[in-house]
Amino acid sequence: MSSADQASQPDDNVNPAIQLVLDAMEAAEISPEDALQISLVLLNFVEEHHLDNLEEFLADEQPDAVSIAVWAADSARLKTARELLEEVLGEDEDDEDAEDDSDSGEEDA
C-alpha cells in the first residue's frame, strides 16, 4: 500500500456513524467532481458549526481569549478551504460554460 493510500485510510477508532458514511462514499464510486461537491457540502456544515461557536462567544460576558484565538485560526483555515474548493469547482464550471458558448455559436452559424 502506498503512503497516499495509508494517509487516506481512517484510524481504527473512527466513530461508527462516520465510518458508515465513508463506506457509503466508497461503495458509491463517486467521481472526483462529485467528491468536490461533497467536500463543499461538508465545509458548509462545518462553517455553520463554526458560526454557532461565534454566537456563543458573543453571548459570553468574558469570552476566553484562547478560544477566540483558536476560533480565528479555524476561521482562516475554513476560508482557505472554501476558496480552494470554489476555485477548483469554478474552473470546471467555467470550462463547461466556455464549451456551451462555443457550441451555441456553431449552431447559430
PDB file of N, CA and C in Angstrom:
ATOM      1  N   MET A   1       0.845  -1.174   0.000  1.00  0.00           N
ATOM      2  CA  MET A   1       0.000   0.000   0.000  1.00  0.00           C
ATOM      3  C   MET A   1       0.892   1.239   0.000  1.00  0.00           C
ATOM      4  N   SER A   2       0.573   2.227  -0.823  1.00  0.00           N
ATOM      5  CA  SER A   2       1.378   3.433  -0.910  1.00  0.00           C
ATOM      6  C   SER A   2       1.103   4.346   0.273  1.00  0.00           C
ATOM      7  N   SER A   3       1.972   5.332   0.462  1.00  0.00           N
ATOM      8  CA  SER A   3       1.779   6.270   1.568  1.00  0.00           C
ATOM      9  C   SER A   3       0.511   7.093   1.368  1.00  0.00           C
ATOM     10  N   ALA A   4       0.141   7.373   0.111  1.00  0.00           N
ATOM     11  CA  ALA A   4      -1.101   8.104  -0.156  1.00  0.00           C
ATOM     12  C   ALA A   4      -2.309   7.281   0.267  1.00  0.00           C
ATOM     13  N   ASP A   5      -2.264   5.962   0.008  1.00  0.00           N
ATOM     14  CA  ASP A   5      -3.356   5.090   0.429  1.00  0.00           C
ATOM     15  C   ASP A   5      -3.442   5.041   1.944  1.00  0.00           C
ATOM     16  N   GLN A   6      -2.287   4.979   2.610  1.00  0.00           N
ATOM     17  CA  GLN A   6      -2.265   4.929   4.066  1.00  0.00           C
ATOM     18  C   GLN A   6      -2.798   6.221   4.653  1.00  0.00           C
ATOM     19  N   ALA A   7      -2.481   7.338   4.041  1.00  0.00           N
ATOM     20  CA  ALA A   7      -2.937   8.633   4.545  1.00  0.00           C
ATOM     21  C   ALA A   7      -4.446   8.761   4.426  1.00  0.00           C
ATOM     22  N   SER A   8      -5.055   8.133   3.425  1.00  0.00           N
ATOM     23  CA  SER A   8      -6.492   8.257   3.238  1.00  0.00           C
ATOM     24  C   SER A   8      -7.273   7.233   4.056  1.00  0.00           C
ATOM     25  N   GLN A   9      -6.589   6.254   4.641  1.00  0.00           N
ATOM     26  CA  GLN A   9      -7.254   5.251   5.455  1.00  0.00           C
ATOM     27  C   GLN A   9      -7.596   5.828   6.820  1.00  0.00           C
ATOM     28  N   PRO A  10      -8.851   5.678   7.269  1.00  0.00           N
ATOM     29  CA  PRO A  10      -9.224   6.216   8.566  1.00  0.00           C
ATOM     30  C   PRO A  10      -8.598   5.409   9.709  1.00  0.00           C
ATOM     31  N   ASP A  11      -8.491   6.042  10.870  1.00  0.00           N
ATOM     32  CA  ASP A  11      -7.998   5.356  12.052  1.00  0.00           C
ATOM     33  C   ASP A  11      -8.964   4.250  12.443  1.00  0.00           C
ATOM     34  N   ASP A  12      -8.466   3.310  13.244  1.00  0.00           N
ATOM     35  CA  ASP A  12      -9.316   2.219  13.724  1.00  0.00           C
ATOM     36  C   ASP A  12     -10.383   2.717  14.693  1.00  0.00           C
ATOM     37  N   ASN A  13     -10.159   3.875  15.286  1.00  0.00           N
ATOM     38  CA  ASN A  13     -11.074   4.408  16.300  1.00  0.00           C
ATOM     39  C   ASN A  13     -12.087   5.388  15.717  1.00  0.00           C
ATOM     40  N   VAL A  14     -12.444   5.242  14.449  1.00  0.00           N
ATOM     41  CA  VAL A  14     -13.382   6.159  13.808  1.00  0.00           C
ATOM     42  C   VAL A  14     -14.781   5.902  14.340  1.00  0.00           C
ATOM     43  N   ASN A  15     -15.486   6.986  14.593  1.00  0.00           N
ATOM     44  CA  ASN A  15     -16.881   6.918  15.014  1.00  0.00           C
ATOM     45  C   ASN A  15     -17.651   6.053  14.016  1.00  0.00           C
ATOM     46  N   PRO A  16     -18.486   5.123  14.495  1.00  0.00           N
ATOM     47  CA  PRO A  16     -19.233   4.234  13.574  1.00  0.00           C
ATOM     48  C   PRO A  16     -20.099   4.993  12.568  1.00  0.00           C
ATOM     49  N   ALA A  17     -20.677   6.114  12.959  1.00  0.00           N
ATOM     50  CA  ALA A  17     -21.500   6.893  12.032  1.00  0.00           C
ATOM     51  C   ALA A  17     -20.639   7.455  10.902  1.00  0.00           C
ATOM     52  N   ILE A  18     -19.438   7.920  11.241  1.00  0.00           N
ATOM     53  CA  ILE A  18     -18.520   8.436  10.227  1.00  0.00           C
ATOM     54  C   ILE A  18     -18.076   7.306   9.313  1.00  0.00           C
ATOM     55  N   GLN A  19     -17.772   6.154   9.887  1.00  0.00           N
ATOM     56  CA  GLN A  19     -17.337   5.019   9.078  1.00  0.00           C
ATOM     57  C   GLN A  19     -18.435   4.589   8.112  1.00  0.00           C
ATOM     58  N   LEU A  20     -19.681   4.663   8.552  1.00  0.00           N
ATOM     59  CA  LEU A  20     -20.815   4.318   7.693  1.00  0.00           C
ATOM     60  C   LEU A  20     -20.858   5.237   6.473  1.00  0.00           C
ATOM     61  N   VAL A  21     -20.655   6.531   6.688  1.00  0.00           N
ATOM     62  CA  VAL A  21     -20.649   7.496   5.583  1.00  0.00           C
ATOM     63  C   VAL A  21     -19.467   7.234   4.659  1.00  0.00           C
ATOM     64  N   LEU A  22     -18.293   7.007   5.232  1.00  0.00           N
ATOM     65  CA  LEU A  22     -17.104   6.732   4.415  1.00  0.00           C
ATOM     66  C   LEU A  22     -17.298   5.470   3.572  1.00  0.00           C
ATOM     67  N   ASP A  23     -17.877   4.435   4.176  1.00  0.00           N
ATOM     68  CA  ASP A  23     -18.139   3.195   3.436  1.00  0.00           C
ATOM     69  C   ASP A  23     -19.137   3.431   2.305  1.00  0.00           C
ATOM     70  N   ALA A  24     -20.169   4.220   2.569  1.00  0.00           N
ATOM     71  CA  ALA A  24     -21.170   4.516   1.534  1.00  0.00           C
ATOM     72  C   ALA A  24     -20.544   5.291   0.383  1.00  0.00           C
ATOM     73  N   MET A  25     -19.658   6.242   0.712  1.00  0.00           N
ATOM     74  CA  MET A  25     -18.995   7.012  -0.340  1.00  0.00           C
ATOM     75  C   MET A  25     -18.106   6.112  -1.181  1.00  0.00           C
ATOM     76  N   GLU A  26     -17.391   5.202  -0.543  1.00  0.00           N
ATOM     77  CA  GLU A  26     -16.522   4.293  -1.279  1.00  0.00           C
ATOM     78  C   GLU A  26     -17.344   3.355  -2.168  1.00  0.00           C
ATOM     79  N   ALA A  27     -18.458   2.853  -1.642  1.00  0.00           N
ATOM     80  CA  ALA A  27     -19.313   1.947  -2.411  1.00  0.00           C
ATOM     81  C   ALA A  27     -19.977   2.659  -3.583  1.00  0.00           C
ATOM     82  N   ALA A  28     -20.223   3.955  -3.443  1.00  0.00           N
ATOM     83  CA  ALA A  28     -20.905   4.712  -4.494  1.00  0.00           C
ATOM     84  C   ALA A  28     -20.001   4.966  -5.691  1.00  0.00           C
ATOM     85  N   GLU A  29     -18.700   4.789  -5.512  1.00  0.00           N
ATOM     86  CA  GLU A  29     -17.731   5.039  -6.581  1.00  0.00           C
ATOM     87  C   GLU A  29     -17.978   6.397  -7.225  1.00  0.00           C
ATOM     88  N   ILE A  30     -17.922   7.414  -6.396  1.00  0.00           N
ATOM     89  CA  ILE A  30     -18.185   8.773  -6.857  1.00  0.00           C
ATOM     90  C   ILE A  30     -17.046   9.289  -7.725  1.00  0.00           C
ATOM     91  N   SER A  31     -17.379  10.221  -8.589  1.00  0.00           N
ATOM     92  CA  SER A  31     -16.381  10.847  -9.453  1.00  0.00           C
ATOM     93  C   SER A  31     -15.617  11.895  -8.656  1.00  0.00           C
ATOM     94  N   PRO A  32     -14.476  12.324  -9.155  1.00  0.00           N
ATOM     95  CA  PRO A  32     -13.741  13.395  -8.470  1.00  0.00           C
ATOM     96  C   PRO A  32     -14.574  14.681  -8.348  1.00  0.00           C
ATOM     97  N   GLU A  33     -15.373  14.982  -9.360  1.00  0.00           N
ATOM     98  CA  GLU A  33     -16.217  16.174  -9.306  1.00  0.00           C
ATOM     99  C   GLU A  33     -17.265  16.038  -8.202  1.00  0.00           C
ATOM    100  N   ASP A  34     -17.847  14.843  -8.079  1.00  0.00           N
ATOM    101  CA  ASP A  34     -18.815  14.603  -7.011  1.00  0.00           C
ATOM    102  C   ASP A  34     -18.148  14.718  -5.648  1.00  0.00           C
ATOM    103  N   ALA A  35     -16.917  14.236  -5.539  1.00  0.00           N
ATOM    104  CA  ALA A  35     -16.180  14.325  -4.277  1.00  0.00           C
ATOM    105  C   ALA A  35     -15.969  15.789  -3.891  1.00  0.00           C
ATOM    106  N   LEU A  36     -15.693  16.641  -4.874  1.00  0.00           N
ATOM    107  CA  LEU A  36     -15.540  18.067  -4.593  1.00  0.00           C
ATOM    108  C   LEU A  36     -16.857  18.676  -4.115  1.00  0.00           C
ATOM    109  N   GLN A  37     -17.955  18.286  -4.735  1.00  0.00           N
ATOM    110  CA  GLN A  37     -19.267  18.796  -4.310  1.00  0.00           C
ATOM    111  C   GLN A  37     -19.572  18.344  -2.885  1.00  0.00           C
ATOM    112  N   ILE A  38     -19.265  17.084  -2.579  1.00  0.00           N
ATOM    113  CA  ILE A  38     -19.467  16.571  -1.225  1.00  0.00           C
ATOM    114  C   ILE A  38     -18.601  17.357  -0.245  1.00  0.00           C
ATOM    115  N   SER A  39     -17.369  17.644  -0.631  1.00  0.00           N
ATOM    116  CA  SER A  39     -16.470  18.420   0.221  1.00  0.00           C
ATOM    117  C   SER A  39     -17.045  19.793   0.515  1.00  0.00           C
ATOM    118  N   LEU A  40     -17.648  20.409  -0.481  1.00  0.00           N
ATOM    119  CA  LEU A  40     -18.248  21.723  -0.298  1.00  0.00           C
ATOM    120  C   LEU A  40     -19.433  21.659   0.668  1.00  0.00           C
ATOM    121  N   VAL A  41     -20.248  20.626   0.541  1.00  0.00           N
ATOM    122  CA  VAL A  41     -21.386  20.452   1.459  1.00  0.00           C
ATOM    123  C   VAL A  41     -20.875  20.254   2.886  1.00  0.00           C
ATOM    124  N   LEU A  42     -19.837  19.418   3.036  1.00  0.00           N
ATOM    125  CA  LEU A  42     -19.266  19.197   4.364  1.00  0.00           C
ATOM    126  C   LEU A  42     -18.664  20.480   4.930  1.00  0.00           C
ATOM    127  N   LEU A  43     -18.029  21.253   4.081  1.00  0.00           N
ATOM    128  CA  LEU A  43     -17.461  22.529   4.518  1.00  0.00           C
ATOM    129  C   LEU A  43     -18.571  23.465   4.996  1.00  0.00           C
ATOM    130  N   ASN A  44     -19.683  23.497   4.286  1.00  0.00           N
ATOM    131  CA  ASN A  44     -20.826  24.311   4.712  1.00  0.00           C
ATOM    132  C   ASN A  44     -21.303  23.884   6.098  1.00  0.00           C
ATOM    133  N   PHE A  45     -21.341  22.575   6.324  1.00  0.00           N
ATOM    134  CA  PHE A  45     -21.759  22.028   7.619  1.00  0.00           C
ATOM    135  C   PHE A  45     -20.818  22.495   8.723  1.00  0.00           C
ATOM    136  N   VAL A  46     -19.519  22.401   8.484  1.00  0.00           N
ATOM    137  CA  VAL A  46     -18.523  22.816   9.475  1.00  0.00           C
ATOM    138  C   VAL A  46     -18.605  24.317   9.713  1.00  0.00           C
ATOM    139  N   GLU A  47     -18.809  25.093   8.650  1.00  0.00           N
ATOM    140  CA  GLU A  47     -18.919  26.546   8.801  1.00  0.00           C
ATOM    141  C   GLU A  47     -20.122  26.932   9.657  1.00  0.00           C
ATOM    142  N   GLU A  48     -21.235  26.223   9.512  1.00  0.00           N
ATOM    143  CA  GLU A  48     -22.413  26.500  10.345  1.00  0.00           C
ATOM    144  C   GLU A  48     -22.085  26.284  11.819  1.00  0.00           C
ATOM    145  N   HIS A  49     -21.411  25.185  12.120  1.00  0.00           N
ATOM    146  CA  HIS A  49     -20.997  24.907  13.497  1.00  0.00           C
ATOM    147  C   HIS A  49     -20.050  26.005  13.989  1.00  0.00           C
ATOM    148  N   HIS A  50     -19.153  26.422  13.134  1.00  0.00           N
ATOM    149  CA  HIS A  50     -18.185  27.462  13.454  1.00  0.00           C
ATOM    150  C   HIS A  50     -18.895  28.778  13.787  1.00  0.00           C
ATOM    151  N   LEU A  51     -19.916  29.122  13.007  1.00  0.00           N
ATOM    152  CA  LEU A  51     -20.681  30.346  13.265  1.00  0.00           C
ATOM    153  C   LEU A  51     -21.485  30.239  14.560  1.00  0.00           C
ATOM    154  N   ASP A  52     -21.972  29.034  14.867  1.00  0.00           N
ATOM    155  CA  ASP A  52     -22.668  28.827  16.137  1.00  0.00           C
ATOM    156  C   ASP A  52     -21.725  29.103  17.304  1.00  0.00           C
ATOM    157  N   ASN A  53     -20.477  28.661  17.176  1.00  0.00           N
ATOM    158  CA  ASN A  53     -19.485  28.937  18.219  1.00  0.00           C
ATOM    159  C   ASN A  53     -19.269  30.432  18.385  1.00  0.00           C
ATOM    160  N   LEU A  54     -19.240  31.167  17.284  1.00  0.00           N
ATOM    161  CA  LEU A  54     -19.063  32.615  17.350  1.00  0.00           C
ATOM    162  C   LEU A  54     -20.217  33.255  18.115  1.00  0.00           C
ATOM    163  N   GLU A  55     -21.423  32.806  17.849  1.00  0.00           N
ATOM    164  CA  GLU A  55     -22.585  33.355  18.551  1.00  0.00           C
ATOM    165  C   GLU A  55     -22.476  33.102  20.051  1.00  0.00           C
ATOM    166  N   GLU A  56     -21.948  31.927  20.426  1.00  0.00           N
ATOM    167  CA  GLU A  56     -21.746  31.636  21.844  1.00  0.00           C
ATOM    168  C   GLU A  56     -20.704  32.573  22.445  1.00  0.00           C
ATOM    169  N   PHE A  57     -19.621  32.816  21.707  1.00  0.00           N
ATOM    170  CA  PHE A  57     -18.589  33.732  22.195  1.00  0.00           C
ATOM    171  C   PHE A  57     -19.156  35.133  22.387  1.00  0.00           C
ATOM    172  N   LEU A  58     -19.963  35.584  21.442  1.00  0.00           N
ATOM    173  CA  LEU A  58     -20.538  36.923  21.524  1.00  0.00           C
ATOM    174  C   LEU A  58     -21.529  37.047  22.681  1.00  0.00           C
ATOM    175  N   ALA A  59     -22.166  35.933  23.042  1.00  0.00           N
ATOM    176  CA  ALA A  59     -23.127  35.945  24.144  1.00  0.00           C
ATOM    177  C   ALA A  59     -22.428  35.924  25.500  1.00  0.00           C
ATOM    178  N   ASP A  60     -21.175  35.460  25.559  1.00  0.00           N
ATOM    179  CA  ASP A  60     -20.424  35.418  26.820  1.00  0.00           C
ATOM    180  C   ASP A  60     -20.083  36.820  27.294  1.00  0.00           C
ATOM    181  N   GLU A  61     -20.160  36.994  28.615  1.00  0.00           N
ATOM    182  CA  GLU A  61     -19.738  38.267  29.209  1.00  0.00           C
ATOM    183  C   GLU A  61     -18.241  38.476  29.012  1.00  0.00           C
ATOM    184  N   GLN A  62     -17.455  37.428  29.274  1.00  0.00           N
ATOM    185  CA  GLN A  62     -15.997  37.495  29.132  1.00  0.00           C
ATOM    186  C   GLN A  62     -15.530  36.228  28.408  1.00  0.00           C
ATOM    187  N   PRO A  63     -15.543  36.250  27.086  1.00  0.00           N
ATOM    188  CA  PRO A  63     -15.112  35.057  26.345  1.00  0.00           C
ATOM    189  C   PRO A  63     -13.633  34.772  26.588  1.00  0.00           C
ATOM    190  N   ASP A  64     -13.294  33.503  26.548  1.00  0.00           N
ATOM    191  CA  ASP A  64     -11.927  33.046  26.748  1.00  0.00           C
ATOM    192  C   ASP A  64     -11.070  33.483  25.561  1.00  0.00           C
ATOM    193  N   ALA A  65      -9.975  34.178  25.839  1.00  0.00           N
ATOM    194  CA  ALA A  65      -9.110  34.708  24.781  1.00  0.00           C
ATOM    195  C   ALA A  65      -8.499  33.588  23.937  1.00  0.00           C
ATOM    196  N   VAL A  66      -8.145  32.489  24.565  1.00  0.00           N
ATOM    197  CA  VAL A  66      -7.548  31.373  23.823  1.00  0.00           C
ATOM    198  C   VAL A  66      -8.582  30.782  22.862  1.00  0.00           C
ATOM    199  N   SER A  67      -9.804  30.647  23.323  1.00  0.00           N
ATOM    200  CA  SER A  67     -10.869  30.115  22.456  1.00  0.00           C
ATOM    201  C   SER A  67     -11.114  31.027  21.261  1.00  0.00           C
ATOM    202  N   ILE A  68     -11.064  32.325  21.501  1.00  0.00           N
ATOM    203  CA  ILE A  68     -11.245  33.292  20.409  1.00  0.00           C
ATOM    204  C   ILE A  68     -10.102  33.159  19.407  1.00  0.00           C
ATOM    205  N   ALA A  69      -8.876  33.005  19.909  1.00  0.00           N
ATOM    206  CA  ALA A  69      -7.718  32.857  19.020  1.00  0.00           C
ATOM    207  C   ALA A  69      -7.825  31.585  18.193  1.00  0.00           C
ATOM    208  N   VAL A  70      -8.243  30.494  18.820  1.00  0.00           N
ATOM    209  CA  VAL A  70      -8.414  29.229  18.095  1.00  0.00           C
ATOM    210  C   VAL A  70      -9.525  29.375  17.061  1.00  0.00           C
ATOM    211  N   TRP A  71     -10.616  30.045  17.449  1.00  0.00           N
ATOM    212  CA  TRP A  71     -11.716  30.265  16.516  1.00  0.00           C
ATOM    213  C   TRP A  71     -11.237  31.056  15.303  1.00  0.00           C
ATOM    214  N   ALA A  72     -10.444  32.094  15.539  1.00  0.00           N
ATOM    215  CA  ALA A  72      -9.943  32.928  14.446  1.00  0.00           C
ATOM    216  C   ALA A  72      -9.040  32.125  13.513  1.00  0.00           C
ATOM    217  N   ALA A  73      -8.185  31.279  14.079  1.00  0.00           N
ATOM    218  CA  ALA A  73      -7.313  30.438  13.246  1.00  0.00           C
ATOM    219  C   ALA A  73      -8.147  29.466  12.423  1.00  0.00           C
ATOM    220  N   ASP A  74      -9.152  28.862  13.053  1.00  0.00           N
ATOM    221  CA  ASP A  74     -10.036  27.952  12.322  1.00  0.00           C
ATOM    222  C   ASP A  74     -10.783  28.693  11.222  1.00  0.00           C
ATOM    223  N   SER A  75     -11.170  29.918  11.500  1.00  0.00           N
ATOM    224  CA  SER A  75     -11.873  30.727  10.511  1.00  0.00           C
ATOM    225  C   SER A  75     -11.004  30.947   9.275  1.00  0.00           C
ATOM    226  N   ALA A  76      -9.741  31.233   9.502  1.00  0.00           N
ATOM    227  CA  ALA A  76      -8.814  31.432   8.380  1.00  0.00           C
ATOM    228  C   ALA A  76      -8.655  30.148   7.579  1.00  0.00           C
ATOM    229  N   ARG A  77      -8.568  29.019   8.267  1.00  0.00           N
ATOM    230  CA  ARG A  77      -8.438  27.727   7.565  1.00  0.00           C
ATOM    231  C   ARG A  77      -9.688  27.416   6.753  1.00  0.00           C
ATOM    232  N   LEU A  78     -10.861  27.656   7.337  1.00  0.00           N
ATOM    233  CA  LEU A  78     -12.116  27.413   6.622  1.00  0.00           C
ATOM    234  C   LEU A  78     -12.217  28.299   5.385  1.00  0.00           C
ATOM    235  N   LYS A  79     -11.793  29.552   5.525  1.00  0.00           N
ATOM    236  CA  LYS A  79     -11.834  30.466   4.383  1.00  0.00           C
ATOM    237  C   LYS A  79     -10.926  29.960   3.265  1.00  0.00           C
ATOM    238  N   THR A  80      -9.732  29.520   3.635  1.00  0.00           N
ATOM    239  CA  THR A  80      -8.795  28.995   2.639  1.00  0.00           C
ATOM    240  C   THR A  80      -9.371  27.749   1.963  1.00  0.00           C
ATOM    241  N   ALA A  81      -9.964  26.863   2.757  1.00  0.00           N
ATOM    242  CA  ALA A  81     -10.556  25.646   2.192  1.00  0.00           C
ATOM    243  C   ALA A  81     -11.688  25.990   1.229  1.00  0.00           C
ATOM    244  N   ARG A  82     -12.548  26.948   1.615  1.00  0.00           N
ATOM    245  CA  ARG A  82     -13.655  27.346   0.740  1.00  0.00           C
ATOM    246  C   ARG A  82     -13.142  27.951  -0.557  1.00  0.00           C
ATOM    247  N   GLU A  83     -12.140  28.831  -0.454  1.00  0.00           N
ATOM    248  CA  GLU A  83     -11.584  29.458  -1.657  1.00  0.00           C
ATOM    249  C   GLU A  83     -10.993  28.408  -2.586  1.00  0.00           C
ATOM    250  N   LEU A  84     -10.302  27.442  -2.022  1.00  0.00           N
ATOM    251  CA  LEU A  84      -9.713  26.379  -2.839  1.00  0.00           C
ATOM    252  C   LEU A  84     -10.799  25.562  -3.539  1.00  0.00           C
ATOM    253  N   LEU A  85     -11.789  25.131  -2.792  1.00  0.00           N
ATOM    254  CA  LEU A  85     -12.870  24.347  -3.388  1.00  0.00           C
ATOM    255  C   LEU A  85     -13.619  25.142  -4.446  1.00  0.00           C
ATOM    256  N   GLU A  86     -13.931  26.393  -4.143  1.00  0.00           N
ATOM    257  CA  GLU A  86     -14.666  27.202  -5.116  1.00  0.00           C
ATOM    258  C   GLU A  86     -13.839  27.452  -6.365  1.00  0.00           C
ATOM    259  N   GLU A  87     -12.529  27.619  -6.189  1.00  0.00           N
ATOM    260  CA  GLU A  87     -11.669  27.829  -7.351  1.00  0.00           C
ATOM    261  C   GLU A  87     -11.646  26.582  -8.235  1.00  0.00           C
ATOM    262  N   VAL A  88     -11.501  25.438  -7.610  1.00  0.00           N
ATOM    263  CA  VAL A  88     -11.466  24.190  -8.383  1.00  0.00           C
ATOM    264  C   VAL A  88     -12.813  23.938  -9.038  1.00  0.00           C
ATOM    265  N   LEU A  89     -13.889  24.091  -8.285  1.00  0.00           N
ATOM    266  CA  LEU A  89     -15.221  23.879  -8.851  1.00  0.00           C
ATOM    267  C   LEU A  89     -15.556  24.942  -9.884  1.00  0.00           C
ATOM    268  N   GLY A  90     -15.132  26.170  -9.656  1.00  0.00           N
ATOM    269  CA  GLY A  90     -15.399  27.265 -10.584  1.00  0.00           C
ATOM    270  C   GLY A  90     -14.707  27.056 -11.910  1.00  0.00           C
ATOM    271  N   GLU A  91     -13.476  26.501 -11.883  1.00  0.00           N
ATOM    272  CA  GLU A  91     -12.760  26.242 -13.127  1.00  0.00           C
ATOM    273  C   GLU A  91     -13.516  25.238 -13.974  1.00  0.00           C
ATOM    274  N   ASP A  92     -14.070  24.215 -13.344  1.00  0.00           N
ATOM    275  CA  ASP A  92     -14.840  23.222 -14.091  1.00  0.00           C
ATOM    276  C   ASP A  92     -16.085  23.857 -14.692  1.00  0.00           C
ATOM    277  N   GLU A  93     -16.777  24.703 -13.901  1.00  0.00           N
ATOM    278  CA  GLU A  93     -17.985  25.358 -14.402  1.00  0.00           C
ATOM    279  C   GLU A  93     -17.648  26.326 -15.523  1.00  0.00           C
ATOM    280  N   ASP A  94     -16.528  27.052 -15.394  1.00  0.00           N
ATOM    281  CA  ASP A  94     -16.122  27.987 -16.447  1.00  0.00           C
ATOM    282  C   ASP A  94     -15.804  27.240 -17.730  1.00  0.00           C
ATOM    283  N   ASP A  95     -15.136  26.079 -17.612  1.00  0.00           N
ATOM    284  CA  ASP A  95     -14.816  25.282 -18.787  1.00  0.00           C
ATOM    285  C   ASP A  95     -16.095  24.813 -19.483  1.00  0.00           C
ATOM    286  N   GLU A  96     -17.084  24.395 -18.698  1.00  0.00           N
ATOM    287  CA  GLU A  96     -18.338  23.938 -19.280  1.00  0.00           C
ATOM    288  C   GLU A  96     -19.065  25.101 -19.939  1.00  0.00           C
ATOM    289  N   ASP A  97     -19.051  26.274 -19.285  1.00  0.00           N
ATOM    290  CA  ASP A  97     -19.700  27.452 -19.861  1.00  0.00           C
ATOM    291  C   ASP A  97     -19.045  27.833 -21.177  1.00  0.00           C
ATOM    292  N   ALA A  98     -17.709  27.774 -21.230  1.00  0.00           N
ATOM    293  CA  ALA A  98     -16.990  28.113 -22.457  1.00  0.00           C
ATOM    294  C   ALA A  98     -17.356  27.132 -23.570  1.00  0.00           C
ATOM    295  N   GLU A  99     -17.463  25.846 -23.209  1.00  0.00           N
ATOM    296  CA  GLU A  99     -17.853  24.850 -24.210  1.00  0.00           C
ATOM    297  C   GLU A  99     -19.275  25.099 -24.686  1.00  0.00           C
ATOM    298  N   ASP A 100     -20.178  25.449 -23.749  1.00  0.00           N
ATOM    299  CA  ASP A 100     -21.561  25.733 -24.116  1.00  0.00           C
ATOM    300  C   ASP A 100     -21.641  26.936 -25.043  1.00  0.00           C
ATOM    301  N   ASP A 101     -20.850  27.970 -24.744  1.00  0.00           N
ATOM    302  CA  ASP A 101     -20.849  29.176 -25.566  1.00  0.00           C
ATOM    303  C   ASP A 101     -20.327  28.873 -26.982  1.00  0.00           C
ATOM    304  N   SER A 102     -19.276  28.064 -27.062  1.00  0.00           N
ATOM    305  CA  SER A 102     -18.721  27.758 -28.383  1.00  0.00           C
ATOM    306  C   SER A 102     -19.676  26.861 -29.169  1.00  0.00           C
ATOM    307  N   ASP A 103     -20.375  25.972 -28.457  1.00  0.00           N
ATOM    308  CA  ASP A 103     -21.353  25.116 -29.121  1.00  0.00           C
ATOM    309  C   ASP A 103     -22.516  25.945 -29.668  1.00  0.00           C
ATOM    310  N   SER A 104     -22.970  26.910 -28.864  1.00  0.00           N
ATOM    311  CA  SER A 104     -24.131  27.690 -29.301  1.00  0.00           C
ATOM    312  C   SER A 104     -23.777  28.572 -30.486  1.00  0.00           C
ATOM    313  N   GLY A 105     -22.531  29.033 -30.561  1.00  0.00           N
ATOM    314  CA  GLY A 105     -22.091  29.837 -31.686  1.00  0.00           C
ATOM    315  C   GLY A 105     -22.055  29.039 -32.972  1.00  0.00           C
ATOM    316  N   GLU A 106     -21.692  27.780 -32.853  1.00  0.00           N
ATOM    317  CA  GLU A 106     -21.658  26.922 -34.036  1.00  0.00           C
ATOM    318  C   GLU A 106     -23.052  26.626 -34.548  1.00  0.00           C
ATOM    319  N   GLU A 107     -24.022  26.524 -33.620  1.00  0.00           N
ATOM    320  CA  GLU A 107     -25.387  26.218 -34.049  1.00  0.00           C
ATOM    321  C   GLU A 107     -26.006  27.409 -34.766  1.00  0.00           C
ATOM    322  N   ASP A 108     -25.624  28.627 -34.344  1.00  0.00           N
ATOM    323  CA  ASP A 108     -26.196  29.817 -34.948  1.00  0.00           C
ATOM    324  C   ASP A 108     -25.635  30.058 -36.345  1.00  0.00           C
ATOM    325  N   ALA A 109     -24.431  29.590 -36.606  1.00  0.00           N
ATOM    326  CA  ALA A 109     -23.767  29.872 -37.886  1.00  0.00           C
ATOM    327  C   ALA A 109     -24.357  29.103 -39.021  1.00  0.00           C
TER     328      ALA A 109
END
